[in-house]
Amino acid sequence: MAAATRDASPISRLTDDDLSIIFLYFPVPVLPSETMSGVQDLAPYEQNSDKDDKTWLHISHVCRRWRSVSLSCLLIWSNINMDPSRYDLAVASLERAKGAPLTTIIDWTMKRSGQLEVLRDLTSKALWELSHTRHLIFRGKILESAPQRVKTPNGSKIH
């Protein structure tokens, strides 16, 4: 009886492509259009932003079909916050996005004890994906000391 009810539900009649399009309407990290002092802040700090950013992750845990569709939809994974405390999620997002145009946010203001090396590693991984990166956003003072902090994908320092 439960299987018959499930198959009769309107959502189950949607194609995988239609379901993917619906998933894209749920919150992912969005580029705001706010301007501060004439400089556009593409990654403003928001209290509780993690809560909203993970809606698409919760979608992938509803049922097997939704998980399969959400994991195969490259655009869901193409907005990436390189958070050292969520290293595995950041790396998985890079892998799942495959060749989709990326928007990557790397926050160098989050230099908690022991996270600098992880942040360097995530930055290096993001640099490997430059060929299909639409936006690479550094927050903090990375630009002042990038040569000292970041190595390029081939292991050399930035000059």
Protein backbone atom coordinates (compact mmCIF):
# COMPACT_ATOMS: atom_id res chain seq x y z
CA MET A 1 0.00 0.00 0.00
CA ALA A 2 2.83 2.44 0.86
CA ALA A 3 4.55 1.80 -2.49
CA ALA A 4 1.33 2.47 -4.40
CA THR A 5 0.82 5.74 -2.51
CA ARG A 6 4.42 6.80 -3.13
CA ASP A 7 4.17 6.06 -6.86
CA ALA A 8 0.94 8.03 -7.09
CA SER A 9 2.38 11.14 -5.45
CA PRO A 10 2.88 14.10 -7.81
CA ILE A 11 6.56 14.53 -6.86
CA SER A 12 7.35 10.96 -7.92
CA ARG A 13 6.10 11.70 -11.44
CA LEU A 14 8.70 14.43 -12.00
CA THR A 15 11.68 13.61 -14.18
CA ASP A 16 15.15 13.73 -12.65
CA ASP A 17 15.87 16.90 -14.63
CA ASP A 18 12.76 18.59 -13.23
CA LEU A 19 13.71 17.52 -9.73
CA SER A 20 17.22 18.97 -10.22
CA ILE A 21 15.74 22.29 -11.29
CA ILE A 22 13.57 22.37 -8.17
CA PHE A 23 16.60 21.59 -5.98
CA LEU A 24 18.41 24.60 -7.44
CA TYR A 25 15.78 26.91 -5.93
CA PHE A 26 16.86 25.99 -2.41
CA PRO A 27 19.48 28.09 -0.62
CA VAL A 28 23.11 27.73 -1.58
CA PRO A 29 25.79 30.35 -0.97
CA VAL A 30 24.56 33.32 -3.01
CA LEU A 31 26.54 36.26 -4.31
CA PRO A 32 24.85 39.38 -2.88
CA SER A 33 24.68 42.66 -4.75
CA GLU A 34 25.37 44.82 -1.71
CA THR A 35 28.08 47.42 -1.99
CA MET A 36 30.24 48.71 0.85
CA SER A 37 32.40 51.79 0.40
CA GLY A 38 32.29 51.36 -3.36
CA VAL A 39 33.69 47.82 -3.15
CA GLN A 40 31.37 44.91 -3.70
CA ASP A 41 31.58 42.39 -0.87
CA LEU A 42 30.84 39.10 -2.60
CA ALA A 43 31.00 37.09 0.61
CA PRO A 44 29.68 39.13 3.53
CA TYR A 45 29.76 37.53 6.94
CA GLU A 46 26.32 36.47 8.08
CA GLN A 47 25.53 35.00 11.48
CA ASN A 48 23.94 31.52 11.00
CA SER A 49 24.73 31.41 7.27
CA ASP A 50 25.75 27.74 7.61
CA LYS A 51 22.19 26.79 8.54
CA ASP A 52 20.75 28.06 5.25
CA ASP A 53 23.70 26.93 3.15
CA LYS A 54 23.10 23.28 3.97
CA THR A 55 19.48 22.98 2.79
CA TRP A 56 20.65 21.21 -0.36
CA LEU A 57 22.60 18.77 1.79
CA HIS A 58 19.43 17.89 3.71
CA ILE A 59 17.63 17.36 0.40
CA SER A 60 20.11 14.62 -0.44
CA HIS A 61 19.01 12.66 2.64
CA VAL A 62 15.25 12.48 1.93
CA CYS A 63 15.26 9.26 -0.11
CA ARG A 64 17.50 7.28 -2.47
CA ARG A 65 16.16 8.96 -5.60
CA TRP A 66 16.61 12.47 -4.22
CA ARG A 67 20.12 11.58 -3.08
CA SER A 68 21.03 10.20 -6.49
CA VAL A 69 19.59 13.22 -8.31
CA SER A 70 21.17 15.77 -5.95
CA LEU A 71 24.60 14.13 -6.06
CA SER A 72 24.55 14.07 -9.85
CA CYS A 73 23.44 17.71 -10.23
CA LEU A 74 26.77 19.51 -10.67
CA LEU A 75 25.33 22.99 -10.11
CA ILE A 76 24.24 22.13 -6.56
CA TRP A 77 27.88 21.56 -5.67
CA SER A 78 29.37 24.47 -7.61
CA ASN A 79 29.10 27.10 -4.82
CA ILE A 80 31.75 26.15 -2.29
CA ASN A 81 32.68 27.69 1.04
CA MET A 82 36.18 26.42 1.83
CA ASP A 83 35.67 26.15 5.58
CA PRO A 84 38.54 24.37 7.39
CA SER A 85 36.12 22.96 9.97
CA ARG A 86 34.22 21.28 7.10
CA TYR A 87 37.21 20.07 5.11
CA ASP A 88 35.58 16.83 3.93
CA LEU A 89 32.49 18.66 2.66
CA ALA A 90 34.60 21.24 0.80
CA VAL A 91 36.67 18.53 -0.90
CA ALA A 92 33.56 16.46 -1.71
CA SER A 93 31.90 19.54 -3.21
CA LEU A 94 34.92 20.14 -5.46
CA GLU A 95 34.79 16.53 -6.63
CA ARG A 96 31.01 16.50 -7.17
CA ALA A 97 31.02 19.80 -9.08
CA LYS A 98 33.31 18.19 -11.69
CA GLY A 99 33.59 20.70 -14.55
CA ALA A 100 30.72 23.00 -13.51
CA PRO A 101 31.57 26.71 -13.23
CA LEU A 102 32.63 27.24 -9.61
CA THR A 103 32.11 30.02 -7.12
CA THR A 104 34.60 29.41 -4.32
CA ILE A 105 34.84 31.42 -1.10
CA ILE A 106 38.02 31.09 0.95
CA ASP A 107 37.85 32.91 4.27
CA TRP A 108 41.30 33.76 5.62
CA THR A 109 39.75 35.56 8.60
CA MET A 110 39.01 32.15 10.15
CA LYS A 111 42.56 31.43 11.29
CA ARG A 112 41.79 29.36 14.37
CA SER A 113 44.55 27.43 16.04
CA GLY A 114 45.67 24.54 13.87
CA GLN A 115 43.59 25.52 10.84
CA LEU A 116 46.18 27.45 8.87
CA GLU A 117 47.62 24.33 7.19
CA VAL A 118 44.12 23.06 6.39
CA LEU A 119 43.26 26.46 4.90
CA ARG A 120 46.45 26.38 2.81
CA ASP A 121 45.52 22.93 1.55
CA LEU A 122 41.97 24.02 0.65
CA THR A 123 43.33 27.10 -1.12
CA SER A 124 45.69 24.92 -3.13
CA LYS A 125 42.81 22.60 -4.09
CA ALA A 126 40.76 25.62 -5.20
CA LEU A 127 43.65 26.85 -7.34
CA TRP A 128 43.73 23.49 -9.12
CA GLU A 129 40.16 24.18 -10.28
CA LEU A 130 40.83 27.61 -11.82
CA SER A 131 40.12 26.35 -15.34
CA HIS A 132 36.42 26.21 -14.54
CA THR A 133 36.19 28.79 -11.75
CA ARG A 134 33.78 31.66 -12.31
CA HIS A 135 34.46 33.45 -9.00
CA LEU A 136 37.32 32.87 -6.55
CA ILE A 137 36.70 35.02 -3.51
CA PHE A 138 39.32 35.56 -0.82
CA ARG A 139 38.17 37.18 2.40
CA GLY A 140 40.61 38.58 4.91
CA LYS A 141 44.14 39.79 4.27
CA ILE A 142 45.28 37.02 1.95
CA LEU A 143 46.30 39.45 -0.78
CA GLU A 144 48.78 41.20 1.50
CA SER A 145 50.74 38.06 2.24
CA ALA A 146 49.67 35.49 -0.35
CA PRO A 147 53.23 34.64 -1.43
CA GLN A 148 54.11 33.60 2.11
CA ARG A 149 50.95 31.58 2.68
CA VAL A 150 49.93 29.82 -0.51
CA LYS A 151 51.69 27.41 -2.83
CA THR A 152 50.56 26.93 -6.40
CA PRO A 153 49.38 23.49 -7.61
CA ASN A 154 52.90 22.59 -8.81
CA GLY A 155 54.29 23.27 -5.31
CA SER A 156 56.06 26.55 -6.04
CA LYS A 157 55.31 29.74 -4.14
CA ILE A 158 53.42 32.65 -5.67
CA HIS A 159 55.74 35.56 -6.51
